[in-house]
Amino acid sequence: MAKADCRQLSHVIAMKPNHVSIVVVAYNITRELPRTLLSLALPYQQGVTTDDYEIIVVDNGSSPAVRESLVAEYGPNFHLLRIDDASPSPVAAVNRGIQEARGDKIGVMIDGARIVTPGLVHFARIGLDMAPTAVVAAPGWYLGSDIQANAPANGYTKAIEDSLLQSIQWPEDGYRLFEIGTMDESSVDPWFSPIHEANVLFMSREVWQAIDGMDERFSCPGGGLVNLDTLERAMKLSQAQLILTLGEATFHQLHGGVSTNASVEQQRKNWIVWKAERDALRGAGEFTFHTPSAFVGSLPSSLLPHVARATIANPFRVAPATAAGFRAQLKPPEERVPANQTAATLVELAKGQFQSGHYQTAADILRMASTHAPAELAASRLLSSAGILARHNPVRNAAYFTGIGDAYFAIGDNERAEVQYRKALDLNPDTVGAHVGLASTRMSRPFYYDWLERLYSELEPAVVVEIGVCDGVSLSKIKPPTLAIGIDPNPRATVALSAETHIFPETSDAFFDRGGADALLAGRPVGVGFIDGLHTFDQALRDFANLEHYCGPGSVLLVHDTVPLDDTTQKVPPTTQFHTGDVWKMVPALKALRPDLDVFTIATPWTGLTVVSGFGKRRYDPSWIVQAGERFANMEFAEIEANLGEALCLVANEWEPVFARLRTNLVGKGSRQPQSEQLAVAKSEAKEATMGGFLHQYFLNNSGKEIYKWLHYFDVYERHFERFRNRRPVVVEVGVYKGGSLEMWRAYFGEGARIVGIDIDPACKAYESEGVEVFVGSQDDPQLLDRIVEKYGPIDIVIDDGSHMMDHVIATFEHLYHHVQPNGVYFVEDTHTSYWDDYGGGLRKPGSFMEFAKGKLDEINAHHARGALPANAFTHATDSICVYDSIVVFEKRPQGKRQSLMTGQG
């Protein structure tokens, strides 16, 4: 303890009345100390003069030592003390500073790496005059949007912190620090909640002497819990009153400190050691939280959003607004969407979690986002708010793990997503979101609704019969002039239906028993039947038999939910809300008993879609249904679980192979089914197929602006771009040349397509027209590329036909690829320049685009590298790399788990 020394020196040093002495302890904070001192100096500090206060900097053994000239440059009221034989604890340095203080009011800042706000000294003086035994404290904050135990692990650095300060033009307005900071652990919502610590404490000289300064028996590096102990001992004095500064605070800079910058795990270990030291001195027990008696100061506008949030939601208790009867809803703060697409995806998910009150989930998703775009999330008020509201009550239940799983899934990291979903199910086996998530990780899109829409569009059935209407979403995929019939004992259609639709609120058994379809069909066959009703094998069998009665040679029957997630979710009766039932038994039954039919199951999320065609080869005979029930009703899921691909006839979730198979089965199957004819190649398409596609014909017949292309490119274009026609894609072409290709793309992709050109030649702006915009600049300029993304959003197709310089092509790819939408295409042409030295290339030359692309081949196969190459975002997002003469095409598609299948007879 420093009792004797404090009292002895108080008689030696001449004391100045109404004068504040502030002791600042420094230890190896070369970068941070100048900012701290500047924030304590004039003219930054307001409402005081150099005669009103002094700053005593105590160098606690820094190496190199703090220079006296550095301290002196901040004013005549700045002084330096040096302790050469310093201990790891700063406590002795604090007491030494107190001994040297000349003011009757003394403030202590035990951590000198903190920037303060402009009214700190002024309002501390006023606060100390508000009560004889006043203890004035300023809340502690961190620079950045997250506590500094978490932030560095998520990408926050000193350089980013420097940029944050530049972004608010600090030190012009010191109160703008609240725009780029978050409250530290001891100062959460201090306007409505008690505190147990503050980095800066102001007390009169008499009060410091009454508590004998700081207790030097706190010997841990950084002082351990001495700060909490000091406040607690001061507040035990008779008539002690805590006065909190209303709009003043200290902001901690990142510097690798023992306490504030330790990781969360290290902080836990530190706390055990520090608490043991404190308990040995004071006896076991918890620290007391102290409620301010009064506030001093004003409320700057930059602090208002934080105060407003705290009135609505508080991590400790019912917030004041709620307690007063107001029912204000806390909404996510509005802030700029990150340019990084992965981070933007995660931020959007986090907003939903925040809106739902799942603050821990939102905070941790935002921390994930920060790892992808740390600079963009460094001042996120959304992260700050979520992080604050999640403190002291971290909820990690099934909903939390489901939310984190959804975040990993959204960015294509299915392996980590699966781990989170299984954690959720370990806590609650009936977590619907976790079941949905797991089902989504094993099968990638397109979704089964997309299949229904595409099948109805391609087949153009005269009649669709749907068993199991539910909310009507699947019925809404049917378009005029198709007639739609829906059957469900409890239909709840809540979406708009565009086709002529007849919904019958009864069971399918009752509907068919009374011949309910006869009048509507009027002799026409069912074009498509969709079975998605009661999820049991026996009911699905009856529904299939009833529908087949109305099928013709060109009919197709679809059975949903034929690929169960696991044994639990397929049990009958159901034990979980996510439930497929044992409908899957339809597939082995059809394989065994109906060899006349073509049966396959599309691996579409969440639980597969079985497609059955080839009807009309034999006379309708439902007797096989009885055999199916006898042979397969008691079949166990365990019998097929290890080989779902073969047992359920799984095929890849891809359009063309499925439609090719259907064409084979349906074309020419009778005049009663018009959809069989519509599956044939249209005359115009046949002409394109024999004489070159649209783009080839356009090029050969072009009489507009000049186009310069290799002839074999056009087949490659058509192969990869066809699916985007007439779907309003965003197409970015690097290299405008004379504008001819921009016109070609607009004609090819159709009405609503947005064509964006990039060229370094300003004259290319003349080639703009409706739906076509040209950006002038270099293709490797990230700011230019970001402007395009900011305006147009995710890109469907990138065509790089620009400078062909190796560094340009690679830089453009690395910046734009993650902005291409999940099912988009990145097309690099004229890659023969990779072999030309005047473009920076050369055969097998490192740094050429072809060598870069070869590296991407390894990345796409990273899962097979047995740990030698970790899977990354490119691995998870890329479906294929196609290499042609002078062309490399990257096809994106979120990757689920790869499955090896075995089909055919052994």
Foldseek 3Di string as FASTA:
>chain_A
DQQVLQVVLVVVAAADEQAEEEEAEDAQCVPQLLLQLLLVAPPQAPDDDLVRYAYEYEYQQHVVTDDQVSQPVRDPRYYYHYDNPGALECQVSQSVSSSNDRYQKYKYQLHSRWRKHRHVSVFLSVQQVPFVLEKEAEFAKAFFQAQLLQQVVLPDDLVLSVVVCVVVPPPPHRLLSLLGIFGDPQCQLLVPWFGQFGSMIMGGSVLCSVLSGFDPLQRDRHSQCRRSVSVQSSCPDPPYFYEYADRMYIYGHDDPGQARNHHPVSNVVSNVVSQVSVCVVVNDDDGDTDRGPYYTDDHDPSCVVSNVLQQCAAQPDHHVCVVVPHDDQDAQDDDDQDLQLLLNQLQVLLRVCVSVVVLLLSLVSNSNSCSVPVSRRGSGNRNSSSNRNCPPPPDDALVSLLSVLVSCVSLQNLVSSLVSLVRSCVRPVQDVSSLQSLLPQFAFDDAVLVVLLVCCVLLVFQEEEEEACAQNSSQQSHAPPHEYEYEALDHNHDDDHHYNYHYDNDHPVVCLVVPVCCVVCVLAAHAEYEYDYPQEQLSVLVNVLSNLVRHAQNHKYKYPQLADPDQQQQDPPHPYPNHNHNNVLVQLLCVVQPVQKDWAWESHPRRIMIMIHRPDPDPRDSPSSVVSCVPRNPDGPVVCVVACCANNRYDYNDPPVVLVVSLVRRAPRDDSRVSNVSSDQDPVRVVCVVPPHPLLVCQVPPPDWDDDDDNVVRVVCCVACVVQAPVLFEEEEEACDRPPVQVSVDVGNDPNHAYEYEAQDPVCQVNDDVNYGYDHDQLLPLVSVSVVCVVPPAHQEYEYPHPLQLVSVVSNCVRRVSSHPLFHKYKYFQLVCLCPVVSVHRVVDPSGVVVVVVVLVCQLVVVVVVPPHDHDSSNQFWDDWDDDVRMIMTGTHGDRDDDDHDYDDD
